[in-house]
């Protein structure tokens, strides 16, 4: 299991900061940062907050507050997206409820839930725009050939995207059940940070 010091070191390196730069940004002594990263001490209270603010993260991202490891819940979190085929906006609402209730209880649920919800919001918006575009082209164009082309194009996208959104969560759930936990969905816009 990764310690707070290892996590701080990894995040600092990802942001291309030296220990001295982090010390300057956080107003924490360089020697203190060295002790934390070498696991000689654990940051608490004000020191933890100063380091997190400087690294632009929350303490929840590096401190494990007795979170349990439950990959089966993460599998179900990914599969909960499929309820969108039964309930209107179920692909957003159900994962959102599961994420809110368990993000501080189960390890990796916070990042996985944010990733899933952000992707599903974008997916729903794109699908809605495509359906709206298809309907509007039918109403706007009067030539039969134009209507047929746009209708077929819109219909194809309207059918293809939900099929992909049905298969992809299943593939991700299988990956997670085999032990690979990472953010599988691309996030262009982060509605939930």
N, C-alpha and C. Protein backbone atom coordinates (compact mmCIF):
# COMPACT_ATOMS: atom_id res chain seq x y z
N UNK A 1 0.83 -1.19 0.00
CA UNK A 1 0.00 0.00 0.00
C UNK A 1 0.88 1.25 0.00
N UNK A 2 0.50 2.23 -0.81
CA UNK A 2 1.28 3.45 -0.91
C UNK A 2 1.06 4.32 0.32
N UNK A 3 2.16 4.90 0.82
CA UNK A 3 2.07 5.81 1.95
C UNK A 3 1.80 7.22 1.45
N UNK A 4 1.49 8.10 2.38
CA UNK A 4 1.23 9.50 2.03
C UNK A 4 2.49 10.11 1.41
N UNK A 5 3.65 9.77 1.97
CA UNK A 5 4.91 10.31 1.44
C UNK A 5 5.16 9.90 0.00
N UNK A 6 4.88 8.64 -0.32
CA UNK A 6 5.06 8.16 -1.70
C UNK A 6 4.09 8.88 -2.62
N UNK A 7 2.85 9.04 -2.18
CA UNK A 7 1.84 9.71 -3.01
C UNK A 7 2.23 11.17 -3.26
N UNK A 8 2.69 11.85 -2.21
CA UNK A 8 3.11 13.25 -2.37
C UNK A 8 4.28 13.33 -3.34
N UNK A 9 5.23 12.42 -3.20
CA UNK A 9 6.39 12.40 -4.10
C UNK A 9 5.96 12.16 -5.55
N UNK A 10 5.05 11.21 -5.76
CA UNK A 10 4.57 10.93 -7.12
C UNK A 10 3.87 12.12 -7.73
N UNK A 11 2.99 12.75 -6.97
CA UNK A 11 2.25 13.91 -7.47
C UNK A 11 3.21 15.07 -7.75
N UNK A 12 4.17 15.27 -6.86
CA UNK A 12 5.16 16.33 -7.05
C UNK A 12 5.94 16.09 -8.34
N UNK A 13 6.34 14.84 -8.58
CA UNK A 13 7.08 14.50 -9.80
C UNK A 13 6.21 14.65 -11.05
N UNK A 14 4.93 14.28 -10.95
CA UNK A 14 4.02 14.44 -12.09
C UNK A 14 3.86 15.90 -12.47
N UNK A 15 3.94 16.77 -11.48
CA UNK A 15 3.79 18.21 -11.73
C UNK A 15 5.14 18.86 -12.03
N UNK A 16 6.19 18.04 -12.14
CA UNK A 16 7.55 18.49 -12.47
C UNK A 16 8.04 19.55 -11.48
N UNK A 17 7.83 19.27 -10.20
CA UNK A 17 8.30 20.18 -9.16
C UNK A 17 9.44 19.53 -8.38
N UNK A 18 10.43 20.33 -8.02
CA UNK A 18 11.48 19.82 -7.14
C UNK A 18 10.98 19.97 -5.70
N UNK A 19 11.69 19.37 -4.76
CA UNK A 19 11.30 19.50 -3.36
C UNK A 19 11.41 20.96 -2.92
N UNK A 20 12.40 21.66 -3.44
CA UNK A 20 12.59 23.07 -3.10
C UNK A 20 11.42 23.92 -3.63
N UNK A 21 10.99 23.62 -4.86
CA UNK A 21 9.87 24.36 -5.43
C UNK A 21 8.58 24.10 -4.64
N UNK A 22 8.38 22.85 -4.26
CA UNK A 22 7.21 22.52 -3.45
C UNK A 22 7.27 23.22 -2.10
N UNK A 23 8.46 23.28 -1.52
CA UNK A 23 8.63 23.96 -0.24
C UNK A 23 8.29 25.44 -0.37
N UNK A 24 8.72 26.05 -1.46
CA UNK A 24 8.45 27.46 -1.69
C UNK A 24 6.95 27.71 -1.90
N UNK A 25 6.31 26.84 -2.70
CA UNK A 25 4.87 27.00 -2.97
C UNK A 25 4.02 26.76 -1.73
N UNK A 26 4.42 25.79 -0.92
CA UNK A 26 3.59 25.39 0.22
C UNK A 26 3.97 26.10 1.52
N UNK A 27 5.11 26.78 1.53
CA UNK A 27 5.61 27.44 2.76
C UNK A 27 5.92 26.41 3.85
N UNK A 28 6.35 25.21 3.40
CA UNK A 28 6.76 24.14 4.31
C UNK A 28 8.26 23.95 4.13
N UNK A 29 8.97 23.71 5.22
CA UNK A 29 10.41 23.53 5.19
C UNK A 29 10.80 22.38 4.26
N UNK A 30 11.90 22.54 3.51
CA UNK A 30 12.37 21.49 2.59
C UNK A 30 12.69 20.22 3.36
N UNK A 31 13.30 20.35 4.52
CA UNK A 31 13.65 19.17 5.32
C UNK A 31 12.39 18.40 5.74
N UNK A 32 11.31 19.11 6.02
CA UNK A 32 10.04 18.46 6.37
C UNK A 32 9.51 17.67 5.19
N UNK A 33 9.59 18.25 4.00
CA UNK A 33 9.14 17.55 2.80
C UNK A 33 9.99 16.31 2.55
N UNK A 34 11.30 16.42 2.77
CA UNK A 34 12.18 15.26 2.60
C UNK A 34 11.81 14.15 3.58
N UNK A 35 11.54 14.52 4.84
CA UNK A 35 11.15 13.52 5.84
C UNK A 35 9.82 12.86 5.48
N UNK A 36 8.88 13.66 4.97
CA UNK A 36 7.57 13.11 4.58
C UNK A 36 7.74 12.13 3.43
N UNK A 37 8.50 12.52 2.40
CA UNK A 37 8.67 11.67 1.23
C UNK A 37 9.50 10.42 1.52
N UNK A 38 10.35 10.48 2.56
CA UNK A 38 11.12 9.30 2.97
C UNK A 38 10.39 8.48 4.03
N UNK A 39 9.13 8.83 4.29
CA UNK A 39 8.27 8.14 5.26
C UNK A 39 8.83 8.15 6.67
N UNK A 40 9.59 9.20 7.00
CA UNK A 40 10.09 9.36 8.36
C UNK A 40 9.04 10.02 9.25
N UNK A 41 8.12 10.75 8.62
CA UNK A 41 7.04 11.41 9.35
C UNK A 41 5.81 11.47 8.46
N UNK A 42 4.66 11.67 9.07
CA UNK A 42 3.41 11.77 8.33
C UNK A 42 2.84 13.17 8.52
N UNK A 43 2.51 13.84 7.43
CA UNK A 43 1.98 15.21 7.58
C UNK A 43 0.57 15.19 8.17
N UNK A 44 0.32 16.12 9.03
CA UNK A 44 -0.99 16.22 9.66
C UNK A 44 -1.44 17.69 9.62
N UNK A 45 -2.72 17.89 9.75
CA UNK A 45 -3.29 19.22 9.92
C UNK A 45 -2.85 20.25 8.91
N UNK A 46 -2.23 21.32 9.43
CA UNK A 46 -1.86 22.47 8.60
C UNK A 46 -0.83 22.10 7.54
N UNK A 47 0.14 21.26 7.90
CA UNK A 47 1.17 20.86 6.93
C UNK A 47 0.56 20.11 5.77
N UNK A 48 -0.34 19.18 6.07
CA UNK A 48 -1.01 18.42 5.02
C UNK A 48 -1.82 19.35 4.11
N UNK A 49 -2.52 20.30 4.72
CA UNK A 49 -3.33 21.25 3.93
C UNK A 49 -2.45 22.13 3.05
N UNK A 50 -1.35 22.62 3.58
CA UNK A 50 -0.44 23.46 2.79
C UNK A 50 0.13 22.69 1.61
N UNK A 51 0.54 21.44 1.83
CA UNK A 51 1.09 20.62 0.74
C UNK A 51 0.03 20.33 -0.31
N UNK A 52 -1.16 19.99 0.13
CA UNK A 52 -2.25 19.69 -0.81
C UNK A 52 -2.63 20.92 -1.63
N UNK A 53 -2.69 22.08 -0.98
CA UNK A 53 -2.99 23.31 -1.71
C UNK A 53 -1.93 23.61 -2.76
N UNK A 54 -0.67 23.42 -2.40
CA UNK A 54 0.43 23.68 -3.34
C UNK A 54 0.40 22.70 -4.51
N UNK A 55 0.00 21.46 -4.25
CA UNK A 55 -0.06 20.44 -5.31
C UNK A 55 -1.40 20.46 -6.05
N UNK A 56 -2.33 21.32 -5.61
CA UNK A 56 -3.65 21.45 -6.21
C UNK A 56 -4.44 20.14 -6.15
N UNK A 57 -4.44 19.53 -4.97
CA UNK A 57 -5.18 18.29 -4.74
C UNK A 57 -5.91 18.43 -3.41
N UNK A 58 -6.80 17.48 -3.13
CA UNK A 58 -7.47 17.46 -1.84
C UNK A 58 -6.79 16.41 -0.96
N UNK A 59 -6.88 16.58 0.36
CA UNK A 59 -6.29 15.57 1.25
C UNK A 59 -6.86 14.17 1.01
N UNK A 60 -8.12 14.09 0.57
CA UNK A 60 -8.74 12.78 0.31
C UNK A 60 -8.00 12.00 -0.77
N UNK A 61 -7.32 12.71 -1.67
CA UNK A 61 -6.62 12.04 -2.77
C UNK A 61 -5.35 11.34 -2.33
N UNK A 62 -4.80 11.74 -1.18
CA UNK A 62 -3.56 11.11 -0.74
C UNK A 62 -3.68 10.39 0.60
N UNK A 63 -4.68 10.73 1.37
CA UNK A 63 -4.85 10.10 2.69
C UNK A 63 -5.90 9.03 2.58
N UNK A 64 -5.57 7.84 3.02
CA UNK A 64 -6.51 6.73 3.01
C UNK A 64 -7.20 6.69 4.37
N UNK A 65 -8.40 7.24 4.46
CA UNK A 65 -9.15 7.28 5.70
C UNK A 65 -9.88 5.95 5.92
N UNK A 66 -9.13 4.90 6.13
CA UNK A 66 -9.69 3.58 6.37
C UNK A 66 -10.63 3.13 5.25
N UNK A 67 -10.25 3.42 4.04
CA UNK A 67 -11.04 2.96 2.89
C UNK A 67 -10.76 1.49 2.68
N UNK A 68 -11.79 0.77 2.30
CA UNK A 68 -11.62 -0.66 2.03
C UNK A 68 -11.38 -0.86 0.54
N UNK A 69 -10.76 -1.95 0.21
CA UNK A 69 -10.51 -2.31 -1.19
C UNK A 69 -11.61 -3.27 -1.62
N UNK A 70 -12.43 -2.84 -2.58
CA UNK A 70 -13.56 -3.66 -3.04
C UNK A 70 -13.72 -3.51 -4.54
N UNK A 71 -13.00 -4.35 -5.28
CA UNK A 71 -13.07 -4.28 -6.74
C UNK A 71 -14.44 -4.69 -7.27
N UNK A 72 -15.15 -5.54 -6.55
CA UNK A 72 -16.47 -5.96 -7.03
C UNK A 72 -17.44 -4.77 -7.05
N UNK A 73 -17.31 -3.85 -6.09
CA UNK A 73 -18.17 -2.67 -6.11
C UNK A 73 -17.84 -1.79 -7.31
N UNK A 74 -16.55 -1.67 -7.63
CA UNK A 74 -16.15 -0.86 -8.78
C UNK A 74 -16.67 -1.49 -10.07
N UNK A 75 -16.69 -2.82 -10.13
CA UNK A 75 -17.27 -3.51 -11.28
C UNK A 75 -18.74 -3.12 -11.41
N UNK A 76 -19.48 -3.17 -10.29
CA UNK A 76 -20.90 -2.81 -10.32
C UNK A 76 -21.11 -1.34 -10.64
N UNK A 77 -20.17 -0.50 -10.20
CA UNK A 77 -20.25 0.93 -10.53
C UNK A 77 -20.18 1.13 -12.04
N UNK A 78 -19.29 0.41 -12.70
CA UNK A 78 -19.19 0.49 -14.16
C UNK A 78 -20.44 -0.07 -14.83
N UNK A 79 -20.94 -1.17 -14.32
CA UNK A 79 -22.12 -1.79 -14.92
C UNK A 79 -23.41 -1.01 -14.65
N UNK A 80 -23.40 -0.15 -13.63
CA UNK A 80 -24.60 0.63 -13.32
C UNK A 80 -24.98 1.58 -14.45
N UNK A 81 -24.03 1.88 -15.32
CA UNK A 81 -24.28 2.72 -16.50
C UNK A 81 -25.36 2.10 -17.38
N UNK A 82 -25.42 0.78 -17.39
CA UNK A 82 -26.36 0.08 -18.26
C UNK A 82 -27.82 0.32 -17.86
N UNK A 83 -28.05 0.83 -16.67
CA UNK A 83 -29.43 1.15 -16.26
C UNK A 83 -29.99 2.32 -17.06
N UNK A 84 -29.15 3.01 -17.78
CA UNK A 84 -29.61 4.08 -18.67
C UNK A 84 -30.48 3.57 -19.79
N UNK A 85 -30.40 2.27 -20.07
CA UNK A 85 -31.25 1.68 -21.11
C UNK A 85 -32.64 1.33 -20.58
N UNK A 86 -32.79 1.38 -19.26
CA UNK A 86 -34.08 1.07 -18.63
C UNK A 86 -34.71 2.33 -18.04
N UNK A 87 -33.89 3.17 -17.40
CA UNK A 87 -34.36 4.40 -16.77
C UNK A 87 -33.85 5.61 -17.54
N UNK A 88 -34.68 6.60 -17.76
CA UNK A 88 -34.17 7.82 -18.39
C UNK A 88 -33.08 8.45 -17.54
N UNK A 89 -31.96 8.73 -18.13
CA UNK A 89 -30.76 9.28 -17.48
C UNK A 89 -30.23 8.39 -16.36
N UNK A 90 -30.59 7.13 -16.37
CA UNK A 90 -30.08 6.18 -15.39
C UNK A 90 -28.57 5.98 -15.51
N UNK A 91 -28.03 6.21 -16.71
CA UNK A 91 -26.59 6.08 -16.91
C UNK A 91 -25.81 7.18 -16.18
N UNK A 92 -26.49 8.23 -15.74
CA UNK A 92 -25.83 9.29 -14.97
C UNK A 92 -26.27 9.23 -13.51
N UNK A 93 -27.57 9.09 -13.27
CA UNK A 93 -28.11 9.18 -11.91
C UNK A 93 -27.67 8.03 -11.02
N UNK A 94 -27.73 6.80 -11.51
CA UNK A 94 -27.37 5.64 -10.68
C UNK A 94 -25.88 5.66 -10.31
N UNK A 95 -24.95 5.85 -11.29
CA UNK A 95 -23.54 5.94 -10.88
C UNK A 95 -23.27 7.13 -9.95
N UNK A 96 -24.01 8.23 -10.14
CA UNK A 96 -23.84 9.40 -9.27
C UNK A 96 -24.22 9.07 -7.83
N UNK A 97 -25.33 8.38 -7.65
CA UNK A 97 -25.76 7.99 -6.30
C UNK A 97 -24.76 7.03 -5.67
N UNK A 98 -24.33 6.03 -6.43
CA UNK A 98 -23.35 5.07 -5.92
C UNK A 98 -22.04 5.75 -5.57
N UNK A 99 -21.61 6.69 -6.40
CA UNK A 99 -20.36 7.42 -6.17
C UNK A 99 -20.46 8.27 -4.91
N UNK A 100 -21.54 9.02 -4.76
CA UNK A 100 -21.69 9.90 -3.61
C UNK A 100 -21.71 9.10 -2.31
N UNK A 101 -22.40 7.97 -2.31
CA UNK A 101 -22.53 7.17 -1.08
C UNK A 101 -21.23 6.45 -0.69
N UNK A 102 -20.37 6.13 -1.67
CA UNK A 102 -19.22 5.26 -1.37
C UNK A 102 -17.86 5.86 -1.68
N UNK A 103 -17.78 7.11 -2.11
CA UNK A 103 -16.49 7.67 -2.52
C UNK A 103 -15.50 7.79 -1.38
N UNK A 104 -15.99 7.92 -0.15
CA UNK A 104 -15.09 8.02 1.00
C UNK A 104 -14.95 6.70 1.76
N UNK A 105 -15.63 5.66 1.29
CA UNK A 105 -15.61 4.38 1.98
C UNK A 105 -14.77 3.32 1.26
N UNK A 106 -14.79 3.37 -0.08
CA UNK A 106 -14.13 2.33 -0.87
C UNK A 106 -13.03 2.96 -1.71
N UNK A 107 -11.86 2.34 -1.67
CA UNK A 107 -10.70 2.84 -2.40
C UNK A 107 -10.96 2.83 -3.90
N UNK A 108 -10.56 3.85 -4.60
CA UNK A 108 -10.65 4.03 -6.06
C UNK A 108 -12.04 4.42 -6.55
N UNK A 109 -13.05 4.41 -5.70
CA UNK A 109 -14.41 4.75 -6.14
C UNK A 109 -14.50 6.22 -6.53
N UNK A 110 -13.78 7.08 -5.82
CA UNK A 110 -13.86 8.51 -6.10
C UNK A 110 -13.40 8.82 -7.53
N UNK A 111 -12.22 8.36 -7.89
CA UNK A 111 -11.71 8.65 -9.24
C UNK A 111 -12.50 7.91 -10.32
N UNK A 112 -12.85 6.66 -10.06
CA UNK A 112 -13.62 5.90 -11.05
C UNK A 112 -15.00 6.50 -11.26
N UNK A 113 -15.67 6.88 -10.17
CA UNK A 113 -17.00 7.47 -10.27
C UNK A 113 -17.00 8.78 -11.03
N UNK A 114 -16.03 9.65 -10.73
CA UNK A 114 -15.92 10.92 -11.46
C UNK A 114 -15.72 10.67 -12.94
N UNK A 115 -14.83 9.73 -13.25
CA UNK A 115 -14.53 9.42 -14.64
C UNK A 115 -15.76 8.90 -15.38
N UNK A 116 -16.49 8.00 -14.76
CA UNK A 116 -17.70 7.43 -15.37
C UNK A 116 -18.77 8.51 -15.57
N UNK A 117 -19.03 9.29 -14.54
CA UNK A 117 -20.09 10.29 -14.60
C UNK A 117 -19.77 11.37 -15.63
N UNK A 118 -18.53 11.85 -15.64
CA UNK A 118 -18.15 12.85 -16.64
C UNK A 118 -18.34 12.33 -18.05
N UNK A 119 -17.93 11.09 -18.28
CA UNK A 119 -18.09 10.52 -19.62
C UNK A 119 -19.56 10.36 -19.98
N UNK A 120 -20.37 9.90 -19.05
CA UNK A 120 -21.78 9.67 -19.34
C UNK A 120 -22.54 10.98 -19.59
N UNK A 121 -22.15 12.04 -18.91
CA UNK A 121 -22.76 13.35 -19.18
C UNK A 121 -22.43 13.78 -20.61
N UNK A 122 -21.16 13.67 -20.99
CA UNK A 122 -20.75 14.03 -22.35
C UNK A 122 -21.46 13.15 -23.37
N UNK A 123 -21.52 11.85 -23.12
CA UNK A 123 -22.19 10.92 -24.02
C UNK A 123 -23.66 11.32 -24.20
N UNK A 124 -24.35 11.61 -23.10
CA UNK A 124 -25.77 11.97 -23.18
C UNK A 124 -25.98 13.26 -23.95
N UNK A 125 -25.12 14.24 -23.76
CA UNK A 125 -25.23 15.50 -24.49
C UNK A 125 -25.01 15.27 -25.98
N UNK A 126 -23.97 14.51 -26.33
CA UNK A 126 -23.69 14.24 -27.75
C UNK A 126 -24.86 13.48 -28.38
N UNK A 127 -25.38 12.48 -27.71
CA UNK A 127 -26.50 11.71 -28.25
C UNK A 127 -27.73 12.60 -28.43
N UNK A 128 -28.01 13.47 -27.46
CA UNK A 128 -29.14 14.38 -27.56
C UNK A 128 -28.97 15.32 -28.75
N UNK A 129 -27.76 15.86 -28.94
CA UNK A 129 -27.49 16.77 -30.06
C UNK A 129 -27.67 16.05 -31.39
N UNK A 130 -27.21 14.81 -31.48
CA UNK A 130 -27.36 14.05 -32.72
C UNK A 130 -28.83 13.79 -33.03
N UNK A 131 -29.60 13.42 -32.02
CA UNK A 131 -31.04 13.19 -32.22
C UNK A 131 -31.72 14.49 -32.62
N UNK A 132 -31.39 15.58 -31.95
CA UNK A 132 -31.96 16.88 -32.29
C UNK A 132 -31.58 17.29 -33.71
N UNK A 133 -30.33 17.05 -34.10
CA UNK A 133 -29.86 17.36 -35.45
C UNK A 133 -30.63 16.53 -36.49
N UNK A 134 -30.82 15.27 -36.21
CA UNK A 134 -31.55 14.40 -37.15
C UNK A 134 -32.98 14.87 -37.34
N UNK A 135 -33.64 15.20 -36.26
CA UNK A 135 -35.03 15.65 -36.35
C UNK A 135 -35.11 17.00 -37.07
N UNK A 136 -34.18 17.90 -36.74
CA UNK A 136 -34.24 19.23 -37.37
C UNK A 136 -33.93 19.17 -38.86
N UNK A 137 -33.04 18.27 -39.28
CA UNK A 137 -32.75 18.17 -40.72
C UNK A 137 -33.96 17.63 -41.48
N UNK A 138 -34.69 16.76 -40.87
CA UNK A 138 -35.90 16.24 -41.53
C UNK A 138 -36.91 17.38 -41.70
N UNK A 139 -37.01 18.24 -40.70
CA UNK A 139 -37.98 19.33 -40.77
C UNK A 139 -37.52 20.47 -41.69
N UNK A 140 -36.21 20.69 -41.77
CA UNK A 140 -35.68 21.82 -42.55
C UNK A 140 -35.60 21.52 -44.04
N UNK A 141 -35.04 20.37 -44.38
CA UNK A 141 -34.82 20.07 -45.79
C UNK A 141 -36.10 19.55 -46.44
N UNK A 142 -36.35 20.04 -47.62
CA UNK A 142 -37.57 19.62 -48.31
C UNK A 142 -37.30 18.59 -49.40
N UNK A 143 -36.05 18.51 -49.87
CA UNK A 143 -35.73 17.52 -50.91
C UNK A 143 -35.64 16.14 -50.29
N UNK A 144 -36.20 15.18 -50.95
CA UNK A 144 -36.24 13.81 -50.43
C UNK A 144 -34.85 13.22 -50.29
N UNK A 145 -33.92 13.54 -51.22
CA UNK A 145 -32.58 12.97 -51.15
C UNK A 145 -31.82 13.52 -49.95
N UNK A 146 -31.97 14.83 -49.69
CA UNK A 146 -31.31 15.42 -48.54
C UNK A 146 -31.84 14.83 -47.24
N UNK A 147 -33.15 14.71 -47.16
CA UNK A 147 -33.76 14.16 -45.96
C UNK A 147 -33.28 12.73 -45.72
N UNK A 148 -33.25 11.96 -46.77
CA UNK A 148 -32.84 10.57 -46.65
C UNK A 148 -31.41 10.44 -46.17
N UNK A 149 -30.49 11.24 -46.73
CA UNK A 149 -29.09 11.19 -46.34
C UNK A 149 -28.92 11.56 -44.86
N UNK A 150 -29.46 12.71 -44.45
CA UNK A 150 -29.31 13.16 -43.07
C UNK A 150 -30.03 12.24 -42.09
N UNK A 151 -31.16 11.73 -42.49
CA UNK A 151 -31.90 10.81 -41.65
C UNK A 151 -31.09 9.52 -41.43
N UNK A 152 -30.51 8.99 -42.51
CA UNK A 152 -29.70 7.77 -42.39
C UNK A 152 -28.46 8.01 -41.55
N UNK A 153 -27.80 9.15 -41.76
CA UNK A 153 -26.60 9.48 -41.00
C UNK A 153 -26.93 9.62 -39.51
N UNK A 154 -27.97 10.37 -39.20
CA UNK A 154 -28.39 10.55 -37.81
C UNK A 154 -28.84 9.24 -37.19
N UNK A 155 -29.57 8.45 -37.95
CA UNK A 155 -30.05 7.16 -37.45
C UNK A 155 -28.87 6.23 -37.15
N UNK A 156 -27.88 6.23 -38.03
CA UNK A 156 -26.70 5.39 -37.83
C UNK A 156 -25.96 5.78 -36.55
N UNK A 157 -25.74 7.07 -36.36
CA UNK A 157 -25.05 7.52 -35.15
C UNK A 157 -25.89 7.27 -33.91
N UNK A 158 -27.20 7.47 -34.02
CA UNK A 158 -28.09 7.25 -32.89
C UNK A 158 -28.11 5.79 -32.47
N UNK A 159 -27.88 4.88 -33.40
CA UNK A 159 -27.85 3.46 -33.07
C UNK A 159 -26.45 3.00 -32.64
N UNK A 160 -25.42 3.54 -33.27
CA UNK A 160 -24.05 3.11 -33.01
C UNK A 160 -23.55 3.54 -31.63
N UNK A 161 -23.78 4.79 -31.26
CA UNK A 161 -23.28 5.29 -29.98
C UNK A 161 -23.82 4.52 -28.78
N UNK A 162 -25.14 4.27 -28.69
CA UNK A 162 -25.62 3.48 -27.54
C UNK A 162 -25.07 2.05 -27.51
N UNK A 163 -24.84 1.47 -28.68
CA UNK A 163 -24.26 0.12 -28.70
C UNK A 163 -22.85 0.16 -28.12
N UNK A 164 -22.07 1.16 -28.52
CA UNK A 164 -20.72 1.31 -27.97
C UNK A 164 -20.77 1.57 -26.47
N UNK A 165 -21.73 2.39 -26.03
CA UNK A 165 -21.86 2.69 -24.60
C UNK A 165 -22.43 1.51 -23.82
N UNK A 166 -22.95 0.53 -24.49
CA UNK A 166 -23.41 -0.69 -23.84
C UNK A 166 -22.24 -1.67 -23.68
N UNK A 167 -21.42 -1.78 -24.70
CA UNK A 167 -20.31 -2.75 -24.69
C UNK A 167 -19.13 -2.26 -23.84
N UNK A 168 -18.82 -0.97 -23.92
CA UNK A 168 -17.62 -0.45 -23.24
C UNK A 168 -17.65 -0.63 -21.72
N UNK A 169 -18.76 -0.35 -21.02
CA UNK A 169 -18.77 -0.60 -19.56
C UNK A 169 -18.58 -2.08 -19.21
N UNK A 170 -19.09 -2.96 -20.05
CA UNK A 170 -18.92 -4.40 -19.79
C UNK A 170 -17.44 -4.77 -19.92
N UNK A 171 -16.79 -4.26 -20.96
CA UNK A 171 -15.35 -4.51 -21.14
C UNK A 171 -14.57 -3.96 -19.95
N UNK A 172 -14.91 -2.75 -19.51
CA UNK A 172 -14.21 -2.14 -18.37
C UNK A 172 -14.45 -2.93 -17.09
N UNK A 173 -15.65 -3.43 -16.89
CA UNK A 173 -15.96 -4.24 -15.71
C UNK A 173 -15.13 -5.53 -15.71
N UNK A 174 -14.96 -6.12 -16.88
CA UNK A 174 -14.14 -7.32 -17.00
C UNK A 174 -12.68 -7.00 -16.68
N UNK A 175 -12.20 -5.88 -17.19
CA UNK A 175 -10.81 -5.47 -16.90
C UNK A 175 -10.60 -5.28 -15.39
N UNK A 176 -11.56 -4.64 -14.75
CA UNK A 176 -11.44 -4.38 -13.31
C UNK A 176 -11.53 -5.68 -12.52
N UNK A 177 -12.38 -6.58 -12.94
CA UNK A 177 -12.49 -7.86 -12.23
C UNK A 177 -11.19 -8.66 -12.34
N UNK A 178 -10.40 -8.38 -13.37
CA UNK A 178 -9.10 -9.04 -13.53
C UNK A 178 -7.99 -8.30 -12.80
N UNK A 179 -8.31 -7.15 -12.18
CA UNK A 179 -7.33 -6.44 -11.35
C UNK A 179 -6.77 -5.17 -11.95
N UNK A 180 -7.18 -4.77 -13.13
CA UNK A 180 -6.67 -3.55 -13.74
C UNK A 180 -7.61 -2.40 -13.40
N UNK A 181 -7.16 -1.52 -12.51
CA UNK A 181 -7.99 -0.38 -12.14
C UNK A 181 -7.31 0.88 -12.61
N UNK A 182 -7.95 1.53 -13.56
CA UNK A 182 -7.50 2.83 -14.05
C UNK A 182 -8.70 3.52 -14.67
N UNK A 183 -8.55 4.78 -15.01
CA UNK A 183 -9.66 5.51 -15.63
C UNK A 183 -9.71 5.14 -17.11
N UNK A 184 -10.71 4.36 -17.49
CA UNK A 184 -10.82 3.86 -18.85
C UNK A 184 -11.50 4.84 -19.79
N UNK A 185 -12.35 5.70 -19.25
CA UNK A 185 -13.12 6.60 -20.11
C UNK A 185 -12.33 7.87 -20.40
N UNK A 186 -12.35 8.33 -21.65
CA UNK A 186 -11.72 9.62 -21.92
C UNK A 186 -12.59 10.75 -21.36
N UNK A 187 -11.97 11.73 -20.75
CA UNK A 187 -12.73 12.86 -20.22
C UNK A 187 -12.25 14.13 -20.89
N UNK A 188 -13.07 14.64 -21.77
CA UNK A 188 -12.75 15.87 -22.49
C UNK A 188 -13.09 17.07 -21.60
N UNK A 189 -14.26 17.01 -21.01
CA UNK A 189 -14.72 18.09 -20.12
C UNK A 189 -15.02 17.45 -18.76
N UNK A 190 -14.51 18.06 -17.71
CA UNK A 190 -14.74 17.55 -16.37
C UNK A 190 -15.86 18.37 -15.71
N UNK A 191 -17.05 17.79 -15.66
CA UNK A 191 -18.17 18.42 -14.97
C UNK A 191 -18.02 18.24 -13.47
N UNK A 192 -17.50 17.08 -13.07
CA UNK A 192 -17.23 16.78 -11.66
C UNK A 192 -15.73 16.63 -11.53
N UNK A 193 -15.15 17.45 -10.67
CA UNK A 193 -13.68 17.45 -10.52
C UNK A 193 -13.26 16.78 -9.24
